PDB file of N, CA and C in Angstrom:
ATOM      1  N   MET A   1     -47.422 116.699   0.614  1.00  0.00           N
ATOM      2  CA  MET A   1     -46.931 117.473   1.743  1.00  0.00           C
ATOM      3  C   MET A   1     -46.044 116.571   2.599  1.00  0.00           C
ATOM      4  N   THR A   2     -44.893 117.081   2.952  1.00  0.00           N
ATOM      5  CA  THR A   2     -43.988 116.309   3.796  1.00  0.00           C
ATOM      6  C   THR A   2     -44.472 116.331   5.241  1.00  0.00           C
ATOM      7  N   GLU A   3     -43.937 115.403   6.024  1.00  0.00           N
ATOM      8  CA  GLU A   3     -44.301 115.361   7.438  1.00  0.00           C
ATOM      9  C   GLU A   3     -43.941 116.680   8.119  1.00  0.00           C
ATOM     10  N   LYS A   4     -42.772 117.215   7.777  1.00  0.00           N
ATOM     11  CA  LYS A   4     -42.308 118.461   8.383  1.00  0.00           C
ATOM     12  C   LYS A   4     -43.273 119.605   8.085  1.00  0.00           C
ATOM     13  N   LYS A   5     -43.704 119.708   6.838  1.00  0.00           N
ATOM     14  CA  LYS A   5     -44.623 120.785   6.467  1.00  0.00           C
ATOM     15  C   LYS A   5     -45.975 120.614   7.154  1.00  0.00           C
ATOM     16  N   ALA A   6     -46.417 119.371   7.291  1.00  0.00           N
ATOM     17  CA  ALA A   6     -47.687 119.115   7.971  1.00  0.00           C
ATOM     18  C   ALA A   6     -47.611 119.544   9.436  1.00  0.00           C
ATOM     19  N   VAL A   7     -46.509 119.215  10.093  1.00  0.00           N
ATOM     20  CA  VAL A   7     -46.330 119.602  11.496  1.00  0.00           C
ATOM     21  C   VAL A   7     -46.249 121.118  11.615  1.00  0.00           C
ATOM     22  N   GLU A   8     -45.491 121.761  10.720  1.00  0.00           N
ATOM     23  CA  GLU A   8     -45.386 123.224  10.745  1.00  0.00           C
ATOM     24  C   GLU A   8     -46.756 123.880  10.569  1.00  0.00           C
ATOM     25  N   LEU A   9     -47.571 123.334   9.677  1.00  0.00           N
ATOM     26  CA  LEU A   9     -48.909 123.877   9.444  1.00  0.00           C
ATOM     27  C   LEU A   9     -49.766 123.776  10.704  1.00  0.00           C
ATOM     28  N   LEU A  10     -49.776 122.603  11.328  1.00  0.00           N
ATOM     29  CA  LEU A  10     -50.566 122.419  12.547  1.00  0.00           C
ATOM     30  C   LEU A  10     -50.072 123.321  13.675  1.00  0.00           C
ATOM     31  N   MET A  11     -48.758 123.419  13.829  1.00  0.00           N
ATOM     32  CA  MET A  11     -48.193 124.255  14.891  1.00  0.00           C
ATOM     33  C   MET A  11     -48.503 125.734  14.657  1.00  0.00           C
ATOM     34  N   SER A  12     -48.532 126.152  13.406  1.00  0.00           N
ATOM     35  CA  SER A  12     -48.817 127.560  13.102  1.00  0.00           C
ATOM     36  C   SER A  12     -50.264 127.926  13.418  1.00  0.00           C
ATOM     37  N   GLN A  13     -51.123 126.915  13.528  1.00  0.00           N
ATOM     38  CA  GLN A  13     -52.531 127.148  13.846  1.00  0.00           C
ATOM     39  C   GLN A  13     -52.821 126.890  15.325  1.00  0.00           C
ATOM     40  N   ASP A  14     -51.766 126.916  16.128  1.00  0.00           N
ATOM     41  CA  ASP A  14     -51.883 126.710  17.578  1.00  0.00           C
ATOM     42  C   ASP A  14     -52.585 125.402  17.929  1.00  0.00           C
ATOM     43  N   LYS A  15     -52.276 124.355  17.190  1.00  0.00           N
ATOM     44  CA  LYS A  15     -52.829 123.029  17.459  1.00  0.00           C
ATOM     45  C   LYS A  15     -51.852 122.243  18.328  1.00  0.00           C
ATOM     46  N   ILE A  16     -52.388 121.401  19.180  1.00  0.00           N
ATOM     47  CA  ILE A  16     -51.550 120.470  19.924  1.00  0.00           C
ATOM     48  C   ILE A  16     -51.216 119.328  18.977  1.00  0.00           C
ATOM     49  N   VAL A  17     -49.928 119.053  18.829  1.00  0.00           N
ATOM     50  CA  VAL A  17     -49.479 118.021  17.896  1.00  0.00           C
ATOM     51  C   VAL A  17     -48.748 116.950  18.690  1.00  0.00           C
ATOM     52  N   ILE A  18     -49.205 115.713  18.576  1.00  0.00           N
ATOM     53  CA  ILE A  18     -48.542 114.581  19.220  1.00  0.00           C
ATOM     54  C   ILE A  18     -48.090 113.633  18.118  1.00  0.00           C
ATOM     55  N   ILE A  19     -46.786 113.353  18.092  1.00  0.00           N
ATOM     56  CA  ILE A  19     -46.211 112.508  17.048  1.00  0.00           C
ATOM     57  C   ILE A  19     -45.376 111.423  17.713  1.00  0.00           C
ATOM     58  N   SER A  20     -45.494 110.218  17.224  1.00  0.00           N
ATOM     59  CA  SER A  20     -44.599 109.143  17.623  1.00  0.00           C
ATOM     60  C   SER A  20     -43.594 108.975  16.491  1.00  0.00           C
ATOM     61  N   THR A  21     -42.322 109.239  16.773  1.00  0.00           N
ATOM     62  CA  THR A  21     -41.334 109.227  15.699  1.00  0.00           C
ATOM     63  C   THR A  21     -39.954 108.833  16.202  1.00  0.00           C
ATOM     64  N   HIS A  22     -39.159 108.320  15.285  1.00  0.00           N
ATOM     65  CA  HIS A  22     -37.733 108.104  15.527  1.00  0.00           C
ATOM     66  C   HIS A  22     -36.930 109.096  14.698  1.00  0.00           C
ATOM     67  N   ASP A  23     -37.618 110.004  14.015  1.00  0.00           N
ATOM     68  CA  ASP A  23     -36.980 111.000  13.158  1.00  0.00           C
ATOM     69  C   ASP A  23     -36.504 112.165  14.030  1.00  0.00           C
ATOM     70  N   PRO A  24     -35.186 112.362  14.141  1.00  0.00           N
ATOM     71  CA  PRO A  24     -34.692 113.430  15.011  1.00  0.00           C
ATOM     72  C   PRO A  24     -35.127 114.821  14.572  1.00  0.00           C
ATOM     73  N   THR A  25     -35.296 115.030  13.275  1.00  0.00           N
ATOM     74  CA  THR A  25     -35.729 116.340  12.792  1.00  0.00           C
ATOM     75  C   THR A  25     -37.129 116.660  13.293  1.00  0.00           C
ATOM     76  N   LEU A  26     -38.044 115.720  13.153  1.00  0.00           N
ATOM     77  CA  LEU A  26     -39.410 115.945  13.647  1.00  0.00           C
ATOM     78  C   LEU A  26     -39.431 116.087  15.166  1.00  0.00           C
ATOM     79  N   ALA A  27     -38.652 115.268  15.845  1.00  0.00           N
ATOM     80  CA  ALA A  27     -38.636 115.320  17.310  1.00  0.00           C
ATOM     81  C   ALA A  27     -38.140 116.669  17.815  1.00  0.00           C
ATOM     82  N   LEU A  28     -37.113 117.219  17.167  1.00  0.00           N
ATOM     83  CA  LEU A  28     -36.545 118.487  17.622  1.00  0.00           C
ATOM     84  C   LEU A  28     -37.395 119.694  17.248  1.00  0.00           C
ATOM     85  N   MET A  29     -38.372 119.513  16.374  1.00  0.00           N
ATOM     86  CA  MET A  29     -39.286 120.608  16.038  1.00  0.00           C
ATOM     87  C   MET A  29     -40.225 120.918  17.202  1.00  0.00           C
ATOM     88  N   ALA A  30     -40.415 119.952  18.069  1.00  0.00           N
ATOM     89  CA  ALA A  30     -41.362 120.105  19.179  1.00  0.00           C
ATOM     90  C   ALA A  30     -40.782 120.963  20.295  1.00  0.00           C
ATOM     91  N   ASP A  31     -41.658 121.600  21.044  1.00  0.00           N
ATOM     92  CA  ASP A  31     -41.226 122.334  22.236  1.00  0.00           C
ATOM     93  C   ASP A  31     -40.843 121.366  23.346  1.00  0.00           C
ATOM     94  N   LYS A  32     -41.543 120.218  23.377  1.00  0.00           N
ATOM     95  CA  LYS A  32     -41.274 119.194  24.388  1.00  0.00           C
ATOM     96  C   LYS A  32     -41.301 117.823  23.732  1.00  0.00           C
ATOM     97  N   ARG A  33     -40.504 116.910  24.296  1.00  0.00           N
ATOM     98  CA  ARG A  33     -40.496 115.527  23.829  1.00  0.00           C
ATOM     99  C   ARG A  33     -40.799 114.613  25.012  1.00  0.00           C
ATOM    100  N   ILE A  34     -41.678 113.666  24.776  1.00  0.00           N
ATOM    101  CA  ILE A  34     -41.989 112.662  25.794  1.00  0.00           C
ATOM    102  C   ILE A  34     -41.205 111.409  25.434  1.00  0.00           C
ATOM    103  N   VAL A  35     -40.370 110.963  26.357  1.00  0.00           N
ATOM    104  CA  VAL A  35     -39.565 109.766  26.134  1.00  0.00           C
ATOM    105  C   VAL A  35     -40.304 108.585  26.754  1.00  0.00           C
ATOM    106  N   ILE A  36     -40.586 107.579  25.919  1.00  0.00           N
ATOM    107  CA  ILE A  36     -41.281 106.374  26.376  1.00  0.00           C
ATOM    108  C   ILE A  36     -40.246 105.276  26.603  1.00  0.00           C
ATOM    109  N   LYS A  37     -40.337 104.610  27.743  1.00  0.00           N
ATOM    110  CA  LYS A  37     -39.414 103.518  28.055  1.00  0.00           C
ATOM    111  C   LYS A  37     -40.180 102.456  28.836  1.00  0.00           C
ATOM    112  N   ASN A  38     -40.038 101.220  28.425  1.00  0.00           N
ATOM    113  CA  ASN A  38     -40.719 100.099  29.079  1.00  0.00           C
ATOM    114  C   ASN A  38     -42.225 100.319  29.181  1.00  0.00           C
ATOM    115  N   GLY A  39     -42.801 100.909  28.132  1.00  0.00           N
ATOM    116  CA  GLY A  39     -44.245 101.062  28.053  1.00  0.00           C
ATOM    117  C   GLY A  39     -44.831 102.246  28.803  1.00  0.00           C
ATOM    118  N   GLY A  40     -43.983 103.095  29.359  1.00  0.00           N
ATOM    119  CA  GLY A  40     -44.502 104.245  30.095  1.00  0.00           C
ATOM    120  C   GLY A  40     -43.677 105.494  29.854  1.00  0.00           C
ATOM    121  N   ILE A  41     -44.179 106.610  30.351  1.00  0.00           N
ATOM    122  CA  ILE A  41     -43.451 107.866  30.212  1.00  0.00           C
ATOM    123  C   ILE A  41     -42.226 107.814  31.117  1.00  0.00           C
ATOM    124  N   TYR A  42     -41.055 107.940  30.502  1.00  0.00           N
ATOM    125  CA  TYR A  42     -39.786 107.893  31.223  1.00  0.00           C
ATOM    126  C   TYR A  42     -39.365 109.299  31.650  1.00  0.00           C
ATOM    127  N   LYS A  43     -39.482 110.246  30.709  1.00  0.00           N
ATOM    128  CA  LYS A  43     -39.194 111.642  31.042  1.00  0.00           C
ATOM    129  C   LYS A  43     -39.734 112.567  29.966  1.00  0.00           C
ATOM    130  N   ILE A  44     -39.841 113.828  30.330  1.00  0.00           N
ATOM    131  CA  ILE A  44     -40.267 114.867  29.395  1.00  0.00           C
ATOM    132  C   ILE A  44     -39.110 115.849  29.266  1.00  0.00           C
ATOM    133  N   ILE A  45     -38.704 116.102  28.018  1.00  0.00           N
ATOM    134  CA  ILE A  45     -37.557 116.966  27.749  1.00  0.00           C
ATOM    135  C   ILE A  45     -38.034 118.200  26.995  1.00  0.00           C
ATOM    136  N   GLU A  46     -37.655 119.370  27.480  1.00  0.00           N
ATOM    137  CA  GLU A  46     -37.934 120.606  26.754  1.00  0.00           C
ATOM    138  C   GLU A  46     -36.792 120.848  25.772  1.00  0.00           C
ATOM    139  N   THR A  47     -37.139 121.175  24.539  1.00  0.00           N
ATOM    140  CA  THR A  47     -36.136 121.407  23.509  1.00  0.00           C
ATOM    141  C   THR A  47     -35.345 122.670  23.848  1.00  0.00           C
ATOM    142  N   SER A  48     -34.020 122.525  23.889  1.00  0.00           N
ATOM    143  CA  SER A  48     -33.144 123.630  24.283  1.00  0.00           C
ATOM    144  C   SER A  48     -32.753 124.489  23.078  1.00  0.00           C
ATOM    145  N   VAL A  49     -32.160 125.630  23.372  1.00  0.00           N
ATOM    146  CA  VAL A  49     -31.658 126.520  22.322  1.00  0.00           C
ATOM    147  C   VAL A  49     -30.592 125.795  21.501  1.00  0.00           C
ATOM    148  N   ASN A  50     -29.723 125.046  22.166  1.00  0.00           N
ATOM    149  CA  ASN A  50     -28.682 124.299  21.463  1.00  0.00           C
ATOM    150  C   ASN A  50     -29.291 123.248  20.537  1.00  0.00           C
ATOM    151  N   GLU A  51     -30.347 122.583  20.992  1.00  0.00           N
ATOM    152  CA  GLU A  51     -31.009 121.589  20.145  1.00  0.00           C
ATOM    153  C   GLU A  51     -31.655 122.247  18.931  1.00  0.00           C
ATOM    154  N   ARG A  52     -32.146 123.461  19.079  1.00  0.00           N
ATOM    155  CA  ARG A  52     -32.708 124.197  17.927  1.00  0.00           C
ATOM    156  C   ARG A  52     -31.620 124.461  16.889  1.00  0.00           C
ATOM    157  N   LYS A  53     -30.407 124.776  17.358  1.00  0.00           N
ATOM    158  CA  LYS A  53     -29.280 124.974  16.439  1.00  0.00           C
ATOM    159  C   LYS A  53     -28.949 123.672  15.716  1.00  0.00           C
ATOM    160  N   ILE A  54     -28.980 122.580  16.457  1.00  0.00           N
ATOM    161  CA  ILE A  54     -28.723 121.269  15.861  1.00  0.00           C
ATOM    162  C   ILE A  54     -29.805 120.941  14.839  1.00  0.00           C
ATOM    163  N   LEU A  55     -31.050 121.302  15.144  1.00  0.00           N
ATOM    164  CA  LEU A  55     -32.154 121.091  14.201  1.00  0.00           C
ATOM    165  C   LEU A  55     -31.860 121.787  12.879  1.00  0.00           C
ATOM    166  N   ASN A  56     -31.360 123.014  12.935  1.00  0.00           N
ATOM    167  CA  ASN A  56     -31.027 123.736  11.703  1.00  0.00           C
ATOM    168  C   ASN A  56     -29.984 122.986  10.886  1.00  0.00           C
ATOM    169  N   LYS A  57     -28.986 122.413  11.560  1.00  0.00           N
ATOM    170  CA  LYS A  57     -27.960 121.623  10.863  1.00  0.00           C
ATOM    171  C   LYS A  57     -28.572 120.365  10.254  1.00  0.00           C
ATOM    172  N   LEU A  58     -29.434 119.693  11.022  1.00  0.00           N
ATOM    173  CA  LEU A  58     -30.087 118.476  10.523  1.00  0.00           C
ATOM    174  C   LEU A  58     -30.937 118.763   9.291  1.00  0.00           C
ATOM    175  N   GLU A  59     -31.626 119.888   9.301  1.00  0.00           N
ATOM    176  CA  GLU A  59     -32.452 120.250   8.144  1.00  0.00           C
ATOM    177  C   GLU A  59     -31.577 120.458   6.910  1.00  0.00           C
ATOM    178  N   GLY A  60     -30.408 121.051   7.093  1.00  0.00           N
ATOM    179  CA  GLY A  60     -29.482 121.221   5.976  1.00  0.00           C
ATOM    180  C   GLY A  60     -28.985 119.887   5.445  1.00  0.00           C
ATOM    181  N   ILE A  61     -28.689 118.966   6.353  1.00  0.00           N
ATOM    182  CA  ILE A  61     -28.246 117.628   5.959  1.00  0.00           C
ATOM    183  C   ILE A  61     -29.364 116.908   5.216  1.00  0.00           C
ATOM    184  N   ASP A  62     -30.597 117.012   5.724  1.00  0.00           N
ATOM    185  CA  ASP A  62     -31.748 116.379   5.064  1.00  0.00           C
ATOM    186  C   ASP A  62     -31.935 116.910   3.648  1.00  0.00           C
ATOM    187  N   GLU A  63     -31.794 118.230   3.477  1.00  0.00           N
ATOM    188  CA  GLU A  63     -31.939 118.826   2.143  1.00  0.00           C
ATOM    189  C   GLU A  63     -30.858 118.307   1.199  1.00  0.00           C
ATOM    190  N   TYR A  64     -29.635 118.209   1.700  1.00  0.00           N
ATOM    191  CA  TYR A  64     -28.523 117.700   0.896  1.00  0.00           C
ATOM    192  C   TYR A  64     -28.790 116.256   0.468  1.00  0.00           C
ATOM    193  N   LEU A  65     -29.220 115.422   1.415  1.00  0.00           N
ATOM    194  CA  LEU A  65     -29.509 114.022   1.098  1.00  0.00           C
ATOM    195  C   LEU A  65     -30.661 113.896   0.105  1.00  0.00           C
ATOM    196  N   GLU A  66     -31.677 114.731   0.261  1.00  0.00           N
ATOM    197  CA  GLU A  66     -32.800 114.697  -0.677  1.00  0.00           C
ATOM    198  C   GLU A  66     -32.338 115.058  -2.088  1.00  0.00           C
ATOM    199  N   THR A  67     -31.460 116.045  -2.193  1.00  0.00           N
ATOM    200  CA  THR A  67     -30.913 116.425  -3.496  1.00  0.00           C
ATOM    201  C   THR A  67     -30.129 115.270  -4.106  1.00  0.00           C
ATOM    202  N   LEU A  68     -29.297 114.613  -3.303  1.00  0.00           N
ATOM    203  CA  LEU A  68     -28.542 113.453  -3.795  1.00  0.00           C
ATOM    204  C   LEU A  68     -29.480 112.357  -4.290  1.00  0.00           C
ATOM    205  N   ARG A  69     -30.499 112.049  -3.501  1.00  0.00           N
ATOM    206  CA  ARG A  69     -31.460 111.006  -3.895  1.00  0.00           C
ATOM    207  C   ARG A  69     -32.142 111.359  -5.213  1.00  0.00           C
ATOM    208  N   ASN A  70     -32.589 112.594  -5.326  1.00  0.00           N
ATOM    209  CA  ASN A  70     -33.263 113.011  -6.557  1.00  0.00           C
ATOM    210  C   ASN A  70     -32.326 112.955  -7.753  1.00  0.00           C
ATOM    211  N   ASN A  71     -31.084 113.378  -7.574  1.00  0.00           N
ATOM    212  CA  ASN A  71     -30.117 113.304  -8.667  1.00  0.00           C
ATOM    213  C   ASN A  71     -29.880 111.862  -9.096  1.00  0.00           C
ATOM    214  N   LEU A  72     -29.751 110.960  -8.132  1.00  0.00           N
ATOM    215  CA  LEU A  72     -29.567 109.539  -8.454  1.00  0.00           C
ATOM    216  C   LEU A  72     -30.782 108.983  -9.187  1.00  0.00           C
ATOM    217  N   ARG A  73     -31.970 109.316  -8.713  1.00  0.00           N
ATOM    218  CA  ARG A  73     -33.200 108.834  -9.352  1.00  0.00           C
ATOM    219  C   ARG A  73     -33.333 109.342 -10.780  1.00  0.00           C
ATOM    220  N   ASN A  74     -32.780 110.528 -11.032  1.00  0.00           N
ATOM    221  CA  ASN A  74     -32.858 111.115 -12.368  1.00  0.00           C
ATOM    222  C   ASN A  74     -31.676 110.727 -13.254  1.00  0.00           C
ATOM    223  N   GLY A  75     -30.875 109.772 -12.785  1.00  0.00           N
ATOM    224  CA  GLY A  75     -29.782 109.258 -13.599  1.00  0.00           C
ATOM    225  C   GLY A  75     -28.576 110.167 -13.693  1.00  0.00           C
ATOM    226  N   GLN A  76     -28.462 111.094 -12.776  1.00  0.00           N
ATOM    227  CA  GLN A  76     -27.325 112.007 -12.808  1.00  0.00           C
ATOM    228  C   GLN A  76     -26.143 111.429 -12.042  1.00  0.00           C
ATOM    229  N   LYS A  77     -24.946 111.892 -12.403  1.00  0.00           N
ATOM    230  CA  LYS A  77     -23.746 111.503 -11.674  1.00  0.00           C
ATOM    231  C   LYS A  77     -23.669 112.311 -10.387  1.00  0.00           C
ATOM    232  N   ILE A  78     -23.081 111.688  -9.393  1.00  0.00           N
ATOM    233  CA  ILE A  78     -22.911 112.350  -8.106  1.00  0.00           C
ATOM    234  C   ILE A  78     -21.449 112.755  -7.973  1.00  0.00           C
ATOM    235  N   ASN A  79     -21.233 114.026  -7.708  1.00  0.00           N
ATOM    236  CA  ASN A  79     -19.875 114.535  -7.514  1.00  0.00           C
ATOM    237  C   ASN A  79     -19.725 114.999  -6.077  1.00  0.00           C
ATOM    238  N   GLY A  80     -18.596 114.647  -5.452  1.00  0.00           N
ATOM    239  CA  GLY A  80     -18.355 114.926  -4.047  1.00  0.00           C
ATOM    240  C   GLY A  80     -18.141 116.338  -3.733  1.00  0.00           C
TER     241      GLY A  80
END
């Protein structure tokens, strides 16, 4: 199970999910993000409608990159 699927599963069951990540896709899945700076909470950001649109684009990019990686691992040629 991927991290994304695990988070989706927990969120679908109305669980509180706290993740420490540098992955923008996982971060944008959240309703809110806590920004840590100098060891403390710097700010809390609510995910906007525009950020949700960006998340959709990021997911498409991630899928494309995963396909490229799998093709390379399977010895296939990569065409642009």
